[in-house]
Amino acid sequence: MRVLARIPLAALYGVAHLVAWMAYRVVPYRKQLVQASLATAFPELSERQLRAVRRRYYLRFAQMAVELVKASALAPAEIRRRVRIVNLEEPQALLAQGQSSAAHRRSPVQLGMDAARPVPRARLPARCRLQAVGERLGGARDEEAAHPLRQPLGAREELLLDILRRHGVVRAIAMVADQEPTTSERRYWTGFLNRDTAFYMGPEEIARVTRFPVFFIAMRRRARGYYEMEFLPLAAAGGAMPPGALTERYARLVEAQIHAAPPDWLWSHKRWKLKKSLYQNR
């Protein structure tokens, strides 16, 4: 990654176009999976429209892949130039008052140029601690290979223990969770893209225990290599919510983003390996 990150971004985009063309035309990458997922999520689209979405998906996926590589070598000022942040004032005000907050965002592959630094550190209060939390990768070698992008990340179980130990620390927590909770027994089931879908309960449980205010970070592609992050309130500080309510709000916001820009979601990921049992239906 360090070697590839030295290549100019324009040249990397050229490689992305070639890879996308091969993945779509020559050696179709998970073609059946992408076709089936799109057809289920968007039954109102014609075959021609679905084909157009698939073609754009492979190109945008390849472009974001090279952006993730390049992000590990970009200066923070360059990332701030490429990522516009909307409504950061609300969490900033809470942090300035001494209230910690959590931000729930989409899968890391959707974050483009902002992958390595979720919120510019200079735009947070000086006494605030910034933490980014995500799922561990498969093994030690995977973690080591992704080190330039995952350096700030920790595990959720470690995070909650740290919060309880140092409850007086003002902190902003960015949580990345969009994939399937195959390793967790605590799951929330809801309708998502016309399927029964399981979501992680970890972020909601952390919010319930800590009573932190929670924000959803909506990620949008404005142009190739340029993105927008918008902070949307999910839960107020100390607010009592029924079990599953926060996760349901999160799922609806993610679904709305996918409908607004279908090619920007990871359709080649096997998202629906888990099946809702008859017991869970009851």
Protein backbone atom coordinates (compact mmCIF):
# COMPACT_ATOMS: atom_id res chain seq x y z
CA MET A 1 0.00 0.00 0.00
CA ARG A 2 2.84 2.41 0.82
CA VAL A 3 4.34 1.88 -2.64
CA LEU A 4 1.02 2.22 -4.47
CA ALA A 5 0.13 5.35 -2.47
CA ARG A 6 3.05 7.18 -4.13
CA ILE A 7 1.41 6.87 -7.55
CA PRO A 8 -0.53 10.02 -8.62
CA LEU A 9 -4.26 9.71 -8.03
CA ALA A 10 -5.05 10.39 -11.71
CA ALA A 11 -2.98 7.33 -12.69
CA LEU A 12 -4.67 5.23 -10.01
CA TYR A 13 -8.07 6.23 -11.41
CA GLY A 14 -6.89 4.96 -14.81
CA VAL A 15 -6.11 1.61 -13.20
CA ALA A 16 -9.52 1.67 -11.52
CA HIS A 17 -11.28 2.11 -14.89
CA LEU A 18 -9.42 -0.91 -16.28
CA VAL A 19 -10.16 -3.07 -13.23
CA ALA A 20 -13.84 -2.06 -13.29
CA TRP A 21 -14.15 -2.92 -16.98
CA MET A 22 -12.57 -6.34 -16.40
CA ALA A 23 -14.73 -7.01 -13.32
CA TYR A 24 -17.88 -6.14 -15.29
CA ARG A 25 -17.10 -7.45 -18.78
CA VAL A 26 -14.19 -9.91 -18.81
CA VAL A 27 -14.14 -11.77 -15.49
CA PRO A 28 -17.43 -10.77 -13.80
CA TYR A 29 -16.82 -10.34 -10.09
CA ARG A 30 -19.61 -11.96 -8.05
CA LYS A 31 -22.02 -11.22 -10.88
CA GLN A 32 -24.87 -13.40 -9.63
CA LEU A 33 -24.63 -11.99 -6.10
CA VAL A 34 -24.68 -8.37 -7.30
CA GLN A 35 -27.54 -9.05 -9.73
CA ALA A 36 -29.68 -10.83 -7.14
CA SER A 37 -29.08 -8.23 -4.41
CA LEU A 38 -29.92 -5.31 -6.68
CA ALA A 39 -33.02 -7.00 -8.12
CA THR A 40 -34.36 -7.66 -4.60
CA ALA A 41 -33.55 -4.17 -3.32
CA PHE A 42 -35.00 -2.35 -6.34
CA PRO A 43 -37.88 -4.42 -7.79
CA GLU A 44 -39.24 -1.26 -9.45
CA LEU A 45 -36.21 -0.94 -11.78
CA SER A 46 -36.15 -2.46 -15.25
CA GLU A 47 -33.40 -4.85 -16.33
CA ARG A 48 -31.80 -2.04 -18.32
CA GLN A 49 -31.77 0.24 -15.27
CA LEU A 50 -30.34 -2.50 -13.07
CA ARG A 51 -27.59 -3.10 -15.63
CA ALA A 52 -26.69 0.60 -15.52
CA VAL A 53 -26.47 0.49 -11.71
CA ARG A 54 -24.23 -2.61 -11.85
CA ARG A 55 -21.89 -0.96 -14.34
CA ARG A 56 -21.58 2.19 -12.23
CA TYR A 57 -21.14 0.10 -9.08
CA TYR A 58 -18.04 -1.69 -10.38
CA LEU A 59 -16.48 1.61 -11.46
CA ARG A 60 -17.19 3.39 -8.16
CA PHE A 61 -16.03 0.40 -6.14
CA ALA A 62 -12.72 0.37 -8.03
CA GLN A 63 -12.36 4.14 -7.63
CA MET A 64 -12.97 3.99 -3.88
CA ALA A 65 -10.47 1.13 -3.59
CA VAL A 66 -7.68 3.27 -5.06
CA GLU A 67 -8.82 6.23 -2.94
CA LEU A 68 -8.43 4.09 0.18
CA VAL A 69 -4.88 3.27 -0.90
CA LYS A 70 -4.08 6.92 -1.65
CA ALA A 71 -5.66 8.15 1.59
CA SER A 72 -2.89 6.51 3.63
CA ALA A 73 -0.36 8.94 2.07
CA LEU A 74 -2.43 12.14 1.93
CA ALA A 75 -1.79 15.01 4.33
CA PRO A 76 -4.67 15.91 6.70
CA ALA A 77 -5.04 19.28 4.94
CA GLU A 78 -5.60 17.54 1.59
CA ILE A 79 -8.22 15.22 3.09
CA ARG A 80 -10.00 18.22 4.63
CA ARG A 81 -10.02 19.86 1.20
CA ARG A 82 -11.64 16.79 -0.31
CA VAL A 83 -14.16 16.09 2.47
CA ARG A 84 -16.81 18.70 3.25
CA ILE A 85 -18.29 18.47 6.75
CA VAL A 86 -21.87 19.62 7.36
CA ASN A 87 -23.46 20.34 10.76
CA LEU A 88 -20.33 19.65 12.82
CA GLU A 89 -21.34 22.62 14.99
CA GLU A 90 -23.90 20.60 16.98
CA PRO A 91 -21.51 17.88 18.25
CA GLN A 92 -18.80 20.55 18.67
CA ALA A 93 -21.07 22.51 21.01
CA LEU A 94 -21.83 19.41 23.09
CA LEU A 95 -18.14 18.55 23.39
CA ALA A 96 -17.31 22.13 24.36
CA GLN A 97 -19.86 21.81 27.18
CA GLY A 98 -18.09 18.71 28.44
CA GLN A 99 -20.51 16.14 26.98
CA SER A 100 -19.08 13.12 25.19
CA SER A 101 -20.77 12.00 21.97
CA ALA A 102 -20.85 9.06 19.59
CA ALA A 103 -21.18 9.06 15.81
CA HIS A 104 -22.48 6.01 13.94
CA ARG A 105 -21.42 5.74 10.31
CA ARG A 106 -21.48 3.44 7.34
CA SER A 107 -19.13 0.71 6.24
CA PRO A 108 -15.48 1.83 5.91
CA VAL A 109 -15.33 1.04 2.20
CA GLN A 110 -17.89 3.81 1.65
CA LEU A 111 -15.79 6.48 3.32
CA GLY A 112 -13.50 7.23 0.37
CA MET A 113 -10.87 9.86 1.06
CA ASP A 114 -12.00 10.24 4.67
CA ALA A 115 -11.18 6.65 5.57
CA ALA A 116 -8.20 7.36 7.77
CA ARG A 117 -9.47 10.41 9.69
CA PRO A 118 -13.23 10.50 10.46
CA VAL A 119 -13.25 14.05 11.90
CA PRO A 120 -10.36 16.54 11.58
CA ARG A 121 -8.77 16.65 15.05
CA ALA A 122 -8.18 20.40 14.84
CA ARG A 123 -11.94 21.04 14.72
CA LEU A 124 -12.61 19.41 18.11
CA PRO A 125 -12.14 21.00 21.56
CA ALA A 126 -8.56 20.73 22.83
CA ARG A 127 -9.50 18.59 25.85
CA CYS A 128 -11.58 16.14 23.80
CA ARG A 129 -10.31 12.64 23.03
CA LEU A 130 -11.13 11.30 19.56
CA GLN A 131 -11.58 7.53 19.15
CA ALA A 132 -12.58 5.48 16.12
CA VAL A 133 -13.99 2.02 16.69
CA GLY A 134 -14.56 -0.82 14.23
CA GLU A 135 -14.57 -4.58 13.86
CA ARG A 136 -11.24 -6.39 13.96
CA LEU A 137 -9.99 -7.83 10.69
CA GLY A 138 -9.59 -11.56 10.20
CA GLY A 139 -6.05 -12.04 11.56
CA ALA A 140 -2.86 -10.41 12.74
CA ARG A 141 -1.45 -10.09 9.21
CA ASP A 142 -4.64 -8.40 7.99
CA GLU A 143 -4.46 -5.90 10.86
CA GLU A 144 -0.81 -5.21 10.13
CA ALA A 145 -1.41 -4.72 6.39
CA ALA A 146 -4.23 -2.25 7.05
CA HIS A 147 -2.32 -0.42 9.79
CA PRO A 148 -2.06 2.95 7.96
CA LEU A 149 -5.86 3.20 7.79
CA ARG A 150 -6.81 1.38 10.99
CA GLN A 151 -4.36 2.88 13.45
CA PRO A 152 -7.02 4.81 15.41
CA LEU A 153 -9.39 1.81 15.60
CA GLY A 154 -10.14 -0.27 18.68
CA ALA A 155 -12.62 -3.00 19.57
CA ARG A 156 -16.04 -2.13 21.03
CA GLU A 157 -15.58 -4.39 24.04
CA GLU A 158 -12.34 -2.55 24.88
CA LEU A 159 -14.00 0.83 24.36
CA LEU A 160 -16.80 0.32 26.89
CA LEU A 161 -14.32 -0.81 29.55
CA ASP A 162 -12.20 2.28 28.90
CA ILE A 163 -15.26 4.57 29.18
CA LEU A 164 -16.22 3.04 32.53
CA ARG A 165 -12.69 3.30 33.86
CA ARG A 166 -12.22 6.92 32.79
CA HIS A 167 -15.75 8.28 32.93
CA GLY A 168 -14.56 11.88 33.35
CA VAL A 169 -12.82 12.03 29.97
CA VAL A 170 -14.63 14.05 27.28
CA ARG A 171 -14.51 12.02 24.08
CA ALA A 172 -15.90 11.78 20.56
CA ILE A 173 -16.37 8.20 19.36
CA ALA A 174 -16.77 7.22 15.70
CA MET A 175 -18.26 3.73 15.29
CA VAL A 176 -18.12 1.84 12.00
CA ALA A 177 -20.67 -0.97 11.66
CA ASP A 178 -22.68 -1.86 8.60
CA GLN A 179 -21.99 -5.53 7.96
CA GLU A 180 -23.54 -8.71 9.29
CA PRO A 181 -23.17 -9.60 13.01
CA THR A 182 -22.20 -13.23 12.38
CA THR A 183 -20.01 -13.41 15.51
CA SER A 184 -22.47 -11.74 17.89
CA GLU A 185 -25.45 -13.28 19.66
CA ARG A 186 -26.94 -9.79 20.23
CA ARG A 187 -28.69 -8.87 16.97
CA TYR A 188 -31.51 -6.58 15.92
CA TRP A 189 -33.70 -7.79 13.06
CA THR A 190 -35.55 -5.41 10.77
CA GLY A 191 -36.65 -5.06 7.16
CA PHE A 192 -33.81 -3.62 5.08
CA LEU A 193 -33.71 -3.44 1.27
CA ASN A 194 -36.72 -5.79 1.13
CA ARG A 195 -35.09 -8.50 3.29
CA ASP A 196 -35.00 -9.54 6.93
CA THR A 197 -31.63 -8.17 8.02
CA ALA A 198 -29.61 -8.43 11.23
CA PHE A 199 -27.73 -5.44 12.67
CA TYR A 200 -25.15 -5.09 15.42
CA MET A 201 -26.54 -4.04 18.80
CA GLY A 202 -23.14 -2.93 20.15
CA PRO A 203 -23.40 0.79 19.29
CA GLU A 204 -26.92 1.00 20.75
CA GLU A 205 -25.86 -0.77 23.94
CA ILE A 206 -22.86 1.54 24.35
CA ALA A 207 -25.17 4.55 23.92
CA ARG A 208 -27.62 3.12 26.48
CA VAL A 209 -24.90 2.48 29.10
CA THR A 210 -23.01 5.75 28.59
CA ARG A 211 -26.08 7.93 27.81
CA PHE A 212 -23.98 9.78 25.21
CA PRO A 213 -25.75 11.75 22.46
CA VAL A 214 -25.54 9.87 19.16
CA PHE A 215 -25.17 11.19 15.59
CA PHE A 216 -25.40 9.47 12.22
CA ILE A 217 -22.69 10.54 9.77
CA ALA A 218 -24.21 10.53 6.30
CA MET A 219 -21.47 9.97 3.70
CA ARG A 220 -22.12 11.26 0.18
CA ARG A 221 -19.95 11.35 -2.93
CA ARG A 222 -20.01 14.88 -4.39
CA ALA A 223 -17.61 14.12 -7.24
CA ARG A 224 -14.80 11.68 -7.97
CA GLY A 225 -12.46 11.94 -4.99
CA TYR A 226 -14.66 14.46 -3.14
CA TYR A 227 -17.08 13.61 -0.35
CA GLU A 228 -19.48 15.15 2.15
CA MET A 229 -20.10 14.14 5.76
CA GLU A 230 -23.31 15.35 7.41
CA PHE A 231 -23.96 14.93 11.14
CA LEU A 232 -27.60 13.96 11.77
CA PRO A 233 -28.89 13.56 15.38
CA LEU A 234 -29.92 9.99 16.25
CA ALA A 235 -30.42 10.23 20.02
CA ALA A 236 -30.17 13.02 22.59
CA ALA A 237 -27.91 12.81 25.64
CA GLY A 238 -29.50 10.68 28.35
CA GLY A 239 -32.58 10.05 26.23
CA ALA A 240 -34.50 6.87 27.07
CA MET A 241 -35.33 4.85 23.95
CA PRO A 242 -37.03 1.45 23.60
CA PRO A 243 -34.67 -1.44 22.74
CA GLY A 244 -33.89 -1.43 19.04
CA ALA A 245 -35.16 2.10 18.39
CA LEU A 246 -31.73 3.66 17.80
CA THR A 247 -30.63 0.79 15.55
CA GLU A 248 -33.91 1.09 13.62
CA ARG A 249 -33.27 4.80 13.01
CA TYR A 250 -29.76 3.97 11.82
CA ALA A 251 -31.04 1.29 9.43
CA ARG A 252 -33.61 3.65 7.91
CA LEU A 253 -30.99 6.37 7.31
CA VAL A 254 -28.59 3.90 5.68
CA GLU A 255 -31.42 2.58 3.49
CA ALA A 256 -32.32 6.13 2.42
CA GLN A 257 -28.71 6.79 1.43
CA ILE A 258 -28.58 3.60 -0.62
CA HIS A 259 -31.76 4.54 -2.48
CA ALA A 260 -30.32 8.01 -3.17
CA ALA A 261 -27.08 6.59 -4.64
CA PRO A 262 -27.37 2.83 -5.36
CA PRO A 263 -23.89 2.38 -6.94
CA ASP A 264 -22.17 3.59 -3.75
CA TRP A 265 -23.12 0.59 -1.59
CA LEU A 266 -21.09 -2.63 -1.38
CA TRP A 267 -23.32 -4.95 -3.41
CA SER A 268 -20.63 -7.62 -3.88
CA HIS A 269 -20.49 -8.27 -0.12
CA LYS A 270 -22.44 -11.29 1.14
CA ARG A 271 -24.63 -9.23 3.47
CA TRP A 272 -27.45 -11.73 4.02
CA LYS A 273 -25.74 -14.91 5.18
CA LEU A 274 -27.75 -14.92 8.41
CA LYS A 275 -31.36 -16.08 8.20
CA LYS A 276 -34.03 -15.08 10.67
CA SER A 277 -35.22 -18.19 12.49
CA LEU A 278 -38.82 -19.16 13.21
CA TYR A 279 -38.11 -18.59 16.92
CA GLN A 280 -37.03 -15.01 16.25
CA ASN A 281 -40.16 -14.41 14.16
CA ARG A 282 -42.26 -15.41 17.17
